[in-house]
Amino acid sequence: MAAAGNAAAGFEHMGLDPRLLRAVAELGWATPTAIQAEAIPLALEGRDLLARARTGSGKTGAYGLPLLQHLLRAKEVAQAQAVRALVLVPSKELGQQVTRSLRELAAFCARALRVADLCAHADLAAQRPVLMEKPDVVVGTPGRVLAHLGARNLSLRHSLELLVLDEADLLLSFGFGEDIKALLCHLPRIYQALLVSATFSPEVEALRELVLHNPVTLCPPEPRLPDASRLRQFGVRCETEEEKFLLLCALLKLRLLRGRALLFVSTLARCYRLKLFLEQFGVPACALNSQLPARSRCHVITQFNRGIYDYIVATDEEAPAVPPGQPPRKKRKGAAPSKGKDPEYSVARGIDFQNVAAVINFDVPPSVESYIHRVGRTARADNPGTALTFALPEERDALARIEDALAGENGESMLQPYKFSMEEIEGLRYRCRDAMRSVTKQAVKEARLREIKDELLNSEKLKVYFEDNPRDLHVLRHDKPLHPAIVKPHLRNVPEYLVPPSLRGVADLNPKKRKWPRQPRGPAKRRGGSTSRGPSNPLQNFKFARHRPKRPTAPPS
């Protein structure tokens, strides 16, 4: 009852610092969410917490506000600057997001509190000066924090007062269990701990015994996904792979699905195949590549959140689940991650994609939890959202298991059939086939190589190497140009006669033109001040001036 009263009254009755309340008001948080209403008062009392809440329920604010309040109180009596709070996250992207959220909450007390992100740079030496200043809060993955402790860039044994484990179930599934155990040896005996997770698994329970001391368990009564009034979920039966691409082409080119969307596929190669397919139709999209550095991946997310791209193609490939009762497989010393995948990569969990109108499961998720975390990217806060799941005949058993797991108390499925007649878009089929033929396996391979080449040219680490080895830079820049797929201009526009009669009043064939990101072309103006528009056709601009003989001039007298 007390938590409900606090939620109804707002944050001002929780005993928070006025500077934090001002930041909360600036962020537009009117009332606490269910997990915030229960967790914040208990955390302010100094209790250890084990909290479970679904994606998008405000978990960062639930531990971020009491964490900052604790630090403000501690700094009123403390004389020396020290690292007093540590936040462990499973991925670099989530680490940067948590850092940004904490800095927003501490916006009006930034001079008093400093937050350091250990996921921002890969080089330990580059972060040494930041840690030498002893920031109040350190955010990082367990492996990164342990590396700094081993390098003696960071010391926590005599100063740490509060430990947060965000997305604890992912911390374990990503193989950080041994790192967490090793990290606990560097912590003091007494500290407050907050463990936040989306699920309670046996591994999380084991971590609870290891980290928490007499904790309070919080499980606010809330659905795993938003209700039907905010989130509409549809299942689409496709007979062939071609029908998947055809339906997606119709939804996006006819503007039947409006707003920004996340498209999830099963593998990284399919990410690039779908991206190149959309580019054939003039639909700008970006792919999240787990093999690229975290800074590049976060740059892609930032571009999406700023509205430069409307579509992100991603995969939520995660570590294989460990059977109950079986210890996790130990990684061979010195072994590299499989196929160059970043072990600290995660896209479906925790990352805050803003203003997502729809989630399209181009491939059926492998599990119910994966479906929940994918679809949880939309219908955030009070915004509506739509989820579409395309299913081939061989994928329908997996989709049926998801339907059964998400069925309500009355047994009704939350997935509604998507009523769409494929015969009406038959006129677009030949264009879809034309685009699919252009996106070959070789095109996908070359697209990935081109991204790696761009990363090498833009790498800060390799600048010194290229200065000492200019020949390598010259070879890289003048390497054979890659042409992933030949884009056919006629596919960009959909003529009126190809639009089904039943959709002509709904389809938007002339959406507002979006400016594609341009590459610098050198000088912007020509002689005389006219703006350059790129190379022109000399045969069209050629003008013939008839030669006129000069009149003889009179000799000077």
Protein backbone atom coordinates (compact mmCIF):
# COMPACT_ATOMS: atom_id res chain seq x y z
CA MET A 1 0.00 0.00 0.00
CA ALA A 2 2.83 2.39 0.75
CA ALA A 3 4.41 1.74 -2.61
CA ALA A 4 1.12 2.38 -4.34
CA GLY A 5 0.75 5.63 -2.46
CA ASN A 6 4.22 6.74 -3.46
CA ALA A 7 3.51 5.88 -7.09
CA ALA A 8 0.32 7.91 -7.04
CA ALA A 9 1.93 10.89 -5.30
CA GLY A 10 5.08 11.02 -7.38
CA PHE A 11 8.82 11.16 -6.76
CA GLU A 12 8.65 14.20 -4.46
CA HIS A 13 7.53 12.07 -1.48
CA MET A 14 10.48 9.65 -1.66
CA GLY A 15 13.01 11.89 0.07
CA LEU A 16 15.12 12.55 -3.03
CA ASP A 17 17.46 15.51 -3.41
CA PRO A 18 15.82 18.56 -5.09
CA ARG A 19 18.45 18.42 -7.85
CA LEU A 20 17.44 14.87 -8.67
CA LEU A 21 13.74 15.81 -8.62
CA ARG A 22 14.48 18.62 -11.06
CA ALA A 23 16.22 16.18 -13.41
CA VAL A 24 13.28 13.77 -13.15
CA ALA A 25 10.90 16.59 -14.08
CA GLU A 26 13.10 17.54 -17.06
CA LEU A 27 12.96 13.94 -18.28
CA GLY A 28 9.15 14.03 -18.11
CA TRP A 29 8.76 11.30 -15.49
CA ALA A 30 5.39 12.22 -13.97
CA THR A 31 4.90 9.23 -11.65
CA PRO A 32 7.11 6.26 -10.75
CA THR A 33 6.62 2.97 -12.53
CA ALA A 34 5.71 -0.14 -10.53
CA ILE A 35 9.31 -1.25 -10.05
CA GLN A 36 10.46 2.30 -9.22
CA ALA A 37 7.72 2.76 -6.61
CA GLU A 38 8.77 -0.42 -4.80
CA ALA A 39 12.55 -0.33 -5.25
CA ILE A 40 13.49 3.30 -4.58
CA PRO A 41 12.21 3.60 -0.97
CA LEU A 42 13.80 0.27 0.04
CA ALA A 43 17.11 1.07 -1.67
CA LEU A 44 17.20 4.45 0.10
CA GLU A 45 16.92 2.56 3.40
CA GLY A 46 20.11 0.68 2.52
CA ARG A 47 18.48 -2.71 1.84
CA ASP A 48 19.87 -5.22 -0.66
CA LEU A 49 17.39 -5.81 -3.49
CA LEU A 50 16.65 -8.58 -5.95
CA ALA A 51 14.28 -6.98 -8.47
CA ARG A 52 12.62 -8.48 -11.50
CA ALA A 53 10.91 -6.32 -14.11
CA ARG A 54 10.38 -6.60 -17.83
CA THR A 55 12.16 -4.59 -20.51
CA GLY A 56 11.05 -0.96 -20.65
CA SER A 57 9.69 -0.83 -17.10
CA GLY A 58 12.12 1.82 -15.80
CA LYS A 59 14.71 -0.40 -14.14
CA THR A 60 17.57 2.06 -14.71
CA GLY A 61 15.70 4.77 -12.82
CA ALA A 62 14.80 2.26 -10.10
CA TYR A 63 18.45 1.80 -9.13
CA GLY A 64 19.88 5.03 -10.59
CA LEU A 65 17.99 7.46 -8.36
CA PRO A 66 18.83 5.77 -5.03
CA LEU A 67 22.42 5.29 -6.20
CA LEU A 68 22.86 9.00 -6.89
CA GLN A 69 21.02 9.95 -3.69
CA HIS A 70 23.37 7.70 -1.70
CA LEU A 71 26.41 9.36 -3.27
CA LEU A 72 25.13 12.88 -2.57
CA ARG A 73 24.68 11.98 1.09
CA ALA A 74 28.10 10.33 1.28
CA LYS A 75 29.90 13.32 -0.23
CA GLU A 76 28.44 15.65 2.41
CA VAL A 77 30.50 13.94 5.11
CA ALA A 78 33.37 12.40 3.12
CA GLN A 79 36.63 14.27 2.81
CA ALA A 80 38.40 12.31 0.03
CA GLN A 81 37.26 11.60 -3.51
CA ALA A 82 36.75 7.88 -4.18
CA VAL A 83 34.93 5.36 -6.39
CA ARG A 84 31.86 4.54 -4.27
CA ALA A 85 29.50 2.89 -6.80
CA LEU A 86 30.00 0.21 -9.45
CA VAL A 87 27.43 -0.75 -12.10
CA LEU A 88 28.05 -4.01 -13.97
CA VAL A 89 26.35 -4.48 -17.35
CA PRO A 90 26.47 -7.35 -19.86
CA SER A 91 27.26 -5.36 -23.02
CA LYS A 92 29.17 -2.29 -24.12
CA GLU A 93 26.10 -0.75 -25.74
CA LEU A 94 24.10 -1.07 -22.54
CA GLY A 95 27.03 0.36 -20.60
CA GLN A 96 27.03 3.52 -22.67
CA GLN A 97 23.26 3.78 -22.35
CA VAL A 98 23.35 3.39 -18.55
CA THR A 99 26.09 6.02 -18.36
CA ARG A 100 23.99 8.42 -20.39
CA SER A 101 20.94 7.79 -18.19
CA LEU A 102 22.89 8.36 -14.96
CA ARG A 103 24.36 11.58 -16.33
CA GLU A 104 20.88 12.80 -17.27
CA LEU A 105 19.63 12.09 -13.74
CA ALA A 106 22.70 13.87 -12.32
CA ALA A 107 22.45 16.79 -14.75
CA PHE A 108 21.86 19.39 -12.00
CA CYS A 109 24.54 18.02 -9.68
CA ALA A 110 27.17 17.22 -12.33
CA ARG A 111 29.83 19.20 -10.47
CA ALA A 112 29.34 17.02 -7.42
CA LEU A 113 29.02 13.63 -9.13
CA ARG A 114 31.10 12.15 -11.93
CA VAL A 115 30.21 9.03 -13.92
CA ALA A 116 32.88 7.09 -15.87
CA ASP A 117 32.12 4.66 -18.67
CA LEU A 118 34.70 1.91 -19.07
CA CYS A 119 33.00 0.68 -22.26
CA ALA A 120 33.67 3.86 -24.24
CA HIS A 121 37.28 2.97 -25.19
CA ALA A 122 38.95 -0.35 -25.82
CA ASP A 123 42.42 0.76 -24.69
CA LEU A 124 43.06 0.39 -20.95
CA ALA A 125 45.84 2.97 -21.02
CA ALA A 126 43.49 5.58 -22.54
CA GLN A 127 41.14 5.22 -19.57
CA ARG A 128 43.82 5.35 -16.90
CA PRO A 129 43.69 9.20 -16.55
CA VAL A 130 39.90 9.06 -16.07
CA LEU A 131 40.18 6.45 -13.31
CA MET A 132 43.08 8.29 -11.66
CA GLU A 133 40.61 11.10 -10.92
CA LYS A 134 38.47 8.57 -8.99
CA PRO A 135 34.99 9.13 -10.44
CA ASP A 136 32.05 8.56 -8.11
CA VAL A 137 30.41 5.93 -10.34
CA VAL A 138 32.06 3.42 -12.66
CA VAL A 139 30.03 1.59 -15.33
CA GLY A 140 31.44 -1.38 -17.23
CA THR A 141 31.29 -5.04 -18.08
CA PRO A 142 32.76 -7.48 -15.52
CA GLY A 143 35.61 -8.35 -17.87
CA ARG A 144 36.51 -4.71 -18.43
CA VAL A 145 36.38 -3.83 -14.70
CA LEU A 146 38.47 -6.88 -13.83
CA ALA A 147 41.07 -5.89 -16.43
CA HIS A 148 41.43 -2.42 -14.87
CA LEU A 149 41.70 -3.95 -11.41
CA GLY A 150 44.47 -6.24 -12.67
CA ALA A 151 46.27 -3.28 -14.25
CA ARG A 152 45.92 -1.35 -10.96
CA ASN A 153 44.07 1.45 -12.70
CA LEU A 154 41.16 0.97 -10.30
CA SER A 155 40.87 0.14 -6.61
CA LEU A 156 37.57 -0.75 -4.90
CA ARG A 157 38.51 -2.64 -1.74
CA HIS A 158 38.46 0.37 0.62
CA SER A 159 35.98 2.68 -1.08
CA LEU A 160 33.07 0.80 -2.71
CA GLU A 161 29.73 1.30 -0.98
CA LEU A 162 27.14 0.26 -3.60
CA LEU A 163 27.18 -2.47 -6.27
CA VAL A 164 24.58 -2.82 -9.06
CA LEU A 165 24.24 -5.81 -11.38
CA ASP A 166 22.02 -4.79 -14.31
CA GLU A 167 20.45 -7.50 -16.51
CA ALA A 168 21.90 -10.15 -14.18
CA ASP A 169 20.56 -13.06 -16.24
CA LEU A 170 22.43 -11.81 -19.30
CA LEU A 171 25.60 -11.30 -17.26
CA LEU A 172 25.58 -15.05 -16.65
CA SER A 173 24.47 -16.16 -20.12
CA PHE A 174 27.28 -14.08 -21.66
CA GLY A 175 29.82 -16.08 -19.66
CA PHE A 176 30.67 -13.46 -17.03
CA GLY A 177 30.05 -15.79 -14.07
CA GLU A 178 33.73 -16.50 -13.44
CA ASP A 179 34.65 -12.83 -13.90
CA ILE A 180 32.06 -11.80 -11.30
CA LYS A 181 33.44 -14.32 -8.80
CA ALA A 182 36.97 -13.04 -9.40
CA LEU A 183 35.79 -9.44 -9.11
CA LEU A 184 34.17 -10.04 -5.70
CA CYS A 185 37.63 -10.72 -4.27
CA HIS A 186 38.48 -7.04 -4.92
CA LEU A 187 35.43 -5.68 -3.06
CA PRO A 188 35.05 -4.84 0.64
CA ARG A 189 33.19 -7.15 2.98
CA ILE A 190 30.29 -4.76 3.56
CA TYR A 191 28.47 -2.97 0.76
CA GLN A 192 24.92 -2.50 -0.50
CA ALA A 193 24.01 -4.56 -3.57
CA LEU A 194 21.15 -4.22 -6.06
CA LEU A 195 20.56 -7.08 -8.49
CA VAL A 196 18.18 -6.32 -11.36
CA SER A 197 17.01 -8.90 -13.89
CA ALA A 198 14.24 -9.56 -16.38
CA THR A 199 13.99 -13.23 -15.39
CA PHE A 200 14.75 -15.35 -12.32
CA SER A 201 16.76 -18.37 -13.39
CA PRO A 202 18.63 -20.89 -11.20
CA GLU A 203 21.87 -19.12 -12.12
CA VAL A 204 20.46 -15.79 -10.91
CA GLU A 205 19.44 -17.44 -7.65
CA ALA A 206 23.00 -18.72 -7.25
CA LEU A 207 24.33 -15.22 -7.90
CA ARG A 208 21.92 -13.92 -5.28
CA GLU A 209 23.54 -16.11 -2.63
CA LEU A 210 26.96 -14.93 -3.72
CA VAL A 211 26.37 -11.16 -3.88
CA LEU A 212 23.33 -10.20 -1.78
CA HIS A 213 22.94 -10.15 1.99
CA ASN A 214 19.41 -10.68 3.38
CA PRO A 215 17.82 -9.12 0.26
CA VAL A 216 14.26 -8.02 -0.39
CA THR A 217 12.80 -9.68 -3.49
CA LEU A 218 10.64 -7.44 -5.68
CA CYS A 219 8.38 -8.81 -8.43
CA PRO A 220 5.81 -6.14 -9.29
CA PRO A 221 2.63 -7.63 -10.80
CA GLU A 222 2.90 -6.69 -14.45
CA PRO A 223 2.37 -8.48 -17.77
CA ARG A 224 5.39 -9.74 -19.67
CA LEU A 225 4.33 -7.54 -22.59
CA PRO A 226 2.05 -4.47 -22.84
CA ASP A 227 -1.65 -5.16 -23.26
CA ALA A 228 -3.50 -5.21 -26.56
CA SER A 229 -4.54 -1.56 -26.24
CA ARG A 230 -0.89 -0.50 -26.64
CA LEU A 231 0.78 -3.39 -28.47
CA ARG A 232 -0.79 -5.12 -31.46
CA GLN A 233 0.83 -8.47 -32.30
CA PHE A 234 0.30 -10.25 -35.60
CA GLY A 235 1.45 -13.55 -37.05
CA VAL A 236 1.97 -13.71 -40.82
CA ARG A 237 2.00 -17.09 -42.57
CA CYS A 238 4.35 -17.13 -45.56
CA GLU A 239 4.66 -20.15 -47.81
CA THR A 240 8.08 -19.35 -49.29
CA GLU A 241 11.11 -17.22 -48.55
CA GLU A 242 10.23 -15.07 -51.54
CA GLU A 243 6.87 -14.23 -49.96
CA LYS A 244 8.66 -12.83 -46.92
CA PHE A 245 10.64 -10.41 -49.05
CA LEU A 246 7.61 -9.58 -51.18
CA LEU A 247 5.42 -8.76 -48.20
CA LEU A 248 8.14 -6.64 -46.58
CA CYS A 249 8.64 -4.76 -49.85
CA ALA A 250 4.90 -4.02 -50.05
CA LEU A 251 4.66 -2.91 -46.42
CA LEU A 252 7.54 -0.45 -46.72
CA LYS A 253 7.25 0.80 -50.31
CA LEU A 254 3.48 1.32 -50.14
CA ARG A 255 3.93 2.91 -46.71
CA LEU A 256 1.40 0.56 -45.14
CA LEU A 257 3.65 0.34 -42.09
CA ARG A 258 4.66 3.84 -41.06
CA GLY A 259 7.18 5.01 -38.55
CA ARG A 260 10.56 3.62 -37.54
CA ALA A 261 11.00 -0.12 -37.24
CA LEU A 262 13.43 -2.79 -36.06
CA LEU A 263 13.82 -5.84 -38.30
CA PHE A 264 15.15 -8.97 -36.59
CA VAL A 265 16.69 -11.89 -38.49
CA SER A 266 18.40 -15.09 -37.38
CA THR A 267 21.99 -14.59 -38.62
CA LEU A 268 24.41 -11.79 -39.41
CA ALA A 269 24.59 -12.77 -43.10
CA ARG A 270 20.82 -12.34 -43.37
CA CYS A 271 21.21 -8.89 -41.80
CA TYR A 272 23.24 -7.75 -44.78
CA ARG A 273 21.09 -9.59 -47.28
CA LEU A 274 17.98 -7.81 -46.04
CA LYS A 275 19.79 -4.46 -45.86
CA LEU A 276 21.00 -4.74 -49.46
CA PHE A 277 17.53 -5.88 -50.55
CA LEU A 278 15.94 -2.76 -49.06
CA GLU A 279 18.56 -0.55 -50.69
CA GLN A 280 17.47 -1.91 -54.08
CA PHE A 281 14.16 -0.13 -53.49
CA GLY A 282 15.69 3.07 -52.20
CA VAL A 283 14.87 2.29 -48.56
CA PRO A 284 17.84 3.40 -46.40
CA ALA A 285 18.58 0.93 -43.61
CA CYS A 286 21.55 0.11 -41.42
CA ALA A 287 22.77 -3.22 -40.04
CA LEU A 288 24.07 -3.85 -36.54
CA ASN A 289 27.22 -5.92 -36.97
CA SER A 290 28.42 -7.73 -33.85
CA GLN A 291 31.90 -8.03 -35.40
CA LEU A 292 32.47 -4.27 -35.50
CA PRO A 293 33.74 -2.24 -32.50
CA ALA A 294 31.27 -1.05 -29.86
CA ARG A 295 31.78 2.58 -30.87
CA SER A 296 30.61 1.84 -34.41
CA ARG A 297 27.57 -0.07 -33.18
CA CYS A 298 26.61 2.73 -30.82
CA HIS A 299 27.03 5.20 -33.68
CA VAL A 300 24.49 3.21 -35.70
CA ILE A 301 22.03 3.29 -32.80
CA THR A 302 22.56 7.04 -32.40
CA GLN A 303 21.88 7.60 -36.11
CA PHE A 304 18.64 5.64 -35.78
CA ASN A 305 17.56 7.56 -32.68
CA ARG A 306 18.27 10.86 -34.42
CA GLY A 307 16.07 9.88 -37.36
CA ILE A 308 18.81 9.56 -40.01
CA TYR A 309 17.65 5.99 -40.66
CA ASP A 310 14.13 4.63 -40.24
CA TYR A 311 15.06 0.95 -40.23
CA ILE A 312 17.65 -1.12 -38.38
CA VAL A 313 18.29 -4.74 -39.33
CA ALA A 314 19.66 -6.72 -36.41
CA THR A 315 20.10 -10.17 -34.95
CA ASP A 316 19.88 -11.12 -31.30
CA GLU A 317 22.33 -14.01 -31.47
CA GLU A 318 23.12 -14.94 -27.90
CA ALA A 319 25.20 -17.56 -26.19
CA PRO A 320 23.59 -21.03 -26.27
CA ALA A 321 21.60 -21.83 -23.19
CA VAL A 322 23.25 -24.11 -20.64
CA PRO A 323 21.07 -27.08 -19.58
CA PRO A 324 19.92 -26.95 -15.93
CA GLY A 325 22.36 -28.55 -13.53
CA GLN A 326 25.23 -28.47 -16.03
CA PRO A 327 28.11 -26.07 -15.33
CA PRO A 328 28.90 -23.57 -18.09
CA ARG A 329 31.58 -24.65 -20.51
CA LYS A 330 34.92 -23.09 -19.70
CA LYS A 331 36.54 -21.04 -22.41
CA ARG A 332 39.92 -22.27 -23.55
CA LYS A 333 42.65 -19.87 -22.51
CA GLY A 334 43.48 -17.50 -25.34
CA ALA A 335 40.56 -18.67 -27.46
CA ALA A 336 38.94 -16.03 -29.60
CA PRO A 337 35.18 -15.56 -29.86
CA SER A 338 33.60 -17.61 -32.62
CA LYS A 339 33.58 -15.94 -36.04
CA GLY A 340 34.85 -12.66 -34.63
CA LYS A 341 31.67 -11.95 -32.70
CA ASP A 342 32.04 -9.55 -29.79
CA PRO A 343 31.20 -11.53 -26.63
CA GLU A 344 29.88 -8.33 -25.04
CA TYR A 345 27.40 -7.67 -27.86
CA SER A 346 23.66 -7.52 -27.26
CA VAL A 347 20.94 -5.76 -29.23
CA ALA A 348 17.60 -7.22 -28.16
CA ARG A 349 18.15 -6.62 -24.45
CA GLY A 350 18.54 -3.33 -22.65
CA ILE A 351 19.38 -1.07 -25.61
CA ASP A 352 17.09 1.95 -25.76
CA PHE A 353 15.89 2.37 -29.34
CA GLN A 354 13.75 5.49 -29.26
CA ASN A 355 10.33 5.96 -30.87
CA VAL A 356 10.10 2.48 -32.41
CA ALA A 357 6.68 2.17 -34.06
CA ALA A 358 7.03 -1.46 -35.11
CA VAL A 359 9.12 -4.60 -34.65
CA ILE A 360 9.25 -7.04 -37.57
CA ASN A 361 10.42 -10.56 -36.81
CA PHE A 362 11.54 -11.42 -40.33
CA ASP A 363 12.66 -14.75 -38.86
CA VAL A 364 10.78 -16.38 -35.98
CA PRO A 365 12.63 -15.89 -32.66
CA PRO A 366 14.32 -19.03 -31.28
CA SER A 367 12.61 -18.79 -27.88
CA VAL A 368 9.80 -17.12 -25.99
CA GLU A 369 12.25 -14.95 -24.06
CA SER A 370 13.85 -13.79 -27.30
CA TYR A 371 10.41 -12.86 -28.66
CA ILE A 372 9.59 -10.87 -25.53
CA HIS A 373 12.87 -8.98 -25.63
CA ARG A 374 12.53 -8.23 -29.35
CA VAL A 375 8.95 -7.04 -29.13
CA GLY A 376 9.75 -5.12 -25.94
CA ARG A 377 11.61 -2.58 -28.08
CA THR A 378 8.27 -1.02 -29.13
CA ALA A 379 5.21 0.18 -27.16
CA ARG A 380 7.53 1.82 -24.61
CA ALA A 381 6.12 4.20 -21.99
CA ASP A 382 2.67 5.26 -23.21
CA ASN A 383 3.40 4.94 -26.95
CA PRO A 384 1.55 2.38 -29.10
CA GLY A 385 3.41 -0.27 -31.08
CA THR A 386 3.01 -3.09 -33.58
CA ALA A 387 4.78 -6.44 -33.84
CA LEU A 388 4.75 -8.59 -36.99
CA THR A 389 6.20 -12.11 -37.11
CA PHE A 390 6.76 -13.78 -40.51
CA ALA A 391 6.62 -17.59 -40.32
CA LEU A 392 7.48 -20.17 -42.95
CA PRO A 393 5.95 -23.68 -42.70
CA GLU A 394 9.07 -24.99 -40.94
CA GLU A 395 8.93 -22.10 -38.44
CA ARG A 396 5.29 -22.47 -37.42
CA ASP A 397 5.98 -24.96 -34.64
CA ALA A 398 8.28 -22.45 -32.96
CA LEU A 399 5.67 -19.72 -33.43
CA ALA A 400 2.99 -21.99 -31.94
CA ARG A 401 5.12 -22.49 -28.82
CA ILE A 402 5.43 -18.72 -28.46
CA GLU A 403 1.65 -18.34 -28.88
CA ASP A 404 0.97 -20.92 -26.19
CA ALA A 405 3.39 -19.30 -23.78
CA LEU A 406 1.86 -15.85 -24.28
CA ALA A 407 -1.76 -16.99 -24.14
CA GLY A 408 -3.90 -15.13 -21.60
CA GLU A 409 -5.72 -16.62 -18.64
CA ASN A 410 -8.70 -17.42 -20.89
CA GLY A 411 -6.45 -19.25 -23.34
CA GLU A 412 -6.74 -16.61 -26.07
CA SER A 413 -3.59 -15.99 -28.09
CA MET A 414 -2.11 -12.51 -28.16
CA LEU A 415 -1.00 -13.11 -31.76
CA GLN A 416 -3.68 -12.17 -34.25
CA PRO A 417 -3.61 -13.41 -37.85
CA TYR A 418 -2.47 -10.72 -40.25
CA LYS A 419 -5.10 -10.60 -42.98
CA PHE A 420 -3.30 -9.73 -46.18
CA SER A 421 -4.03 -11.04 -49.65
CA MET A 422 -0.80 -11.88 -51.46
CA GLU A 423 -2.69 -11.83 -54.79
CA GLU A 424 -3.16 -8.07 -54.47
CA ILE A 425 0.59 -7.42 -54.53
CA GLU A 426 1.34 -9.94 -57.26
CA GLY A 427 2.35 -7.06 -59.53
CA LEU A 428 5.34 -6.35 -57.27
CA ARG A 429 6.62 -9.93 -57.41
CA TYR A 430 8.79 -9.53 -60.51
CA ARG A 431 10.44 -6.46 -58.95
CA CYS A 432 11.06 -8.41 -55.75
CA ARG A 433 12.67 -11.25 -57.72
CA ASP A 434 14.82 -8.77 -59.61
CA ALA A 435 16.09 -7.30 -56.33
CA MET A 436 16.70 -10.72 -54.77
CA ARG A 437 18.76 -11.82 -57.79
CA SER A 438 20.99 -8.76 -57.34
CA VAL A 439 21.70 -9.58 -53.68
CA THR A 440 23.96 -12.60 -54.08
CA LYS A 441 26.15 -14.33 -51.51
CA GLN A 442 29.14 -12.58 -53.03
CA ALA A 443 27.38 -9.21 -52.66
CA VAL A 444 26.74 -9.92 -48.97
CA LYS A 445 30.38 -10.92 -48.47
CA GLU A 446 31.67 -7.78 -50.20
CA ALA A 447 29.30 -5.55 -48.20
CA ARG A 448 30.75 -6.91 -44.97
CA LEU A 449 34.30 -6.49 -46.29
CA ARG A 450 33.56 -2.89 -47.23
CA GLU A 451 32.44 -2.11 -43.67
CA ILE A 452 35.61 -3.68 -42.28
CA LYS A 453 37.71 -1.65 -44.71
CA ASP A 454 35.99 1.57 -43.64
CA GLU A 455 36.61 0.67 -40.01
CA LEU A 456 40.33 0.22 -40.70
CA LEU A 457 40.57 3.58 -42.45
CA ASN A 458 38.71 5.38 -39.65
CA SER A 459 40.34 3.56 -36.75
CA GLU A 460 42.00 5.80 -34.17
CA LYS A 461 44.26 2.95 -33.09
CA LEU A 462 45.69 2.45 -36.58
CA LYS A 463 46.51 6.12 -37.22
CA VAL A 464 49.98 5.79 -35.72
CA TYR A 465 50.57 2.55 -37.61
CA PHE A 466 49.58 4.13 -40.93
CA GLU A 467 51.87 7.10 -40.21
CA ASP A 468 54.78 4.67 -39.85
CA ASN A 469 53.62 2.50 -42.77
CA PRO A 470 52.18 4.84 -45.42
CA ARG A 471 52.46 2.15 -48.10
CA ASP A 472 49.87 0.00 -46.28
CA LEU A 473 47.49 2.95 -46.11
CA HIS A 474 48.02 3.64 -49.81
CA VAL A 475 47.27 0.00 -50.69
CA LEU A 476 44.16 -0.01 -48.52
CA ARG A 477 42.82 3.20 -50.03
CA HIS A 478 43.53 2.16 -53.60
CA ASP A 479 42.34 -1.38 -53.21
CA LYS A 480 39.83 -2.78 -55.67
CA PRO A 481 36.52 -0.96 -55.08
CA LEU A 482 33.75 -3.15 -53.77
CA HIS A 483 30.36 -3.16 -55.46
CA PRO A 484 28.11 -5.18 -53.14
CA ALA A 485 25.01 -5.07 -55.33
CA ILE A 486 24.06 -3.24 -58.49
CA VAL A 487 21.24 -0.88 -57.51
CA LYS A 488 18.65 -0.58 -60.27
CA PRO A 489 17.08 2.89 -60.25
CA HIS A 490 13.73 1.77 -61.68
CA LEU A 491 12.99 -0.18 -58.48
CA ARG A 492 12.92 2.98 -56.35
CA ASN A 493 9.56 4.21 -57.63
CA VAL A 494 6.32 2.23 -57.58
CA PRO A 495 4.06 3.21 -60.50
CA GLU A 496 0.39 3.82 -59.80
CA TYR A 497 -0.77 0.86 -61.86
CA LEU A 498 1.09 -1.59 -59.57
CA VAL A 499 -0.79 -0.44 -56.48
CA PRO A 500 -3.73 -2.77 -55.70
CA PRO A 501 -7.11 -1.03 -56.12
CA SER A 502 -8.03 -1.73 -52.49
CA LEU A 503 -4.85 0.03 -51.29
CA ARG A 504 -4.82 3.09 -53.50
CA GLY A 505 -6.49 5.20 -50.85
CA VAL A 506 -4.10 3.96 -48.15
CA ALA A 507 -0.72 3.64 -49.87
CA ASP A 508 1.59 6.65 -49.75
CA LEU A 509 3.69 6.61 -52.92
CA ASN A 510 5.20 10.06 -52.41
CA PRO A 511 6.50 10.18 -48.85
CA LYS A 512 8.56 13.08 -47.64
CA LYS A 513 12.00 12.71 -49.18
CA ARG A 514 14.75 11.79 -46.73
CA LYS A 515 18.23 13.06 -47.29
CA TRP A 516 20.69 10.19 -47.43
CA PRO A 517 23.97 10.68 -45.59
CA ARG A 518 26.35 12.27 -48.08
CA GLN A 519 30.06 11.85 -48.39
CA PRO A 520 32.23 14.96 -48.64
CA ARG A 521 32.98 15.91 -52.23
CA GLY A 522 35.57 18.62 -51.81
CA PRO A 523 34.92 22.29 -52.68
CA ALA A 524 31.25 23.20 -52.51
CA LYS A 525 31.33 26.13 -54.95
CA ARG A 526 32.61 26.74 -58.43
CA ARG A 527 34.10 29.87 -59.87
CA GLY A 528 31.55 32.64 -59.74
CA GLY A 529 29.80 31.34 -56.60
CA SER A 530 27.53 28.72 -58.22
CA THR A 531 26.93 25.54 -56.23
CA SER A 532 28.48 22.37 -57.62
CA ARG A 533 26.06 19.53 -58.34
CA GLY A 534 28.57 16.87 -59.24
CA PRO A 535 29.87 15.80 -62.63
CA SER A 536 27.69 16.74 -65.59
CA ASN A 537 27.29 15.15 -69.02
CA PRO A 538 29.49 17.12 -71.49
CA LEU A 539 27.39 15.94 -74.45
CA GLN A 540 24.30 17.58 -72.99
CA ASN A 541 25.98 20.77 -71.85
CA PHE A 542 28.09 21.27 -74.96
CA LYS A 543 27.33 24.56 -76.76
CA PHE A 544 28.64 25.43 -80.21
CA ALA A 545 29.68 29.03 -80.76
CA ARG A 546 30.00 30.00 -84.41
CA HIS A 547 33.43 31.37 -85.22
CA ARG A 548 33.36 34.94 -86.44
CA PRO A 549 36.45 36.41 -88.10
CA LYS A 550 37.77 39.52 -86.51
CA ARG A 551 37.38 42.72 -88.41
CA PRO A 552 40.66 44.26 -89.57
CA THR A 553 41.60 47.22 -87.52
CA ALA A 554 43.06 50.38 -88.99
CA PRO A 555 46.81 50.72 -88.54
CA PRO A 556 47.81 53.31 -86.03
CA SER A 557 48.52 56.67 -87.55
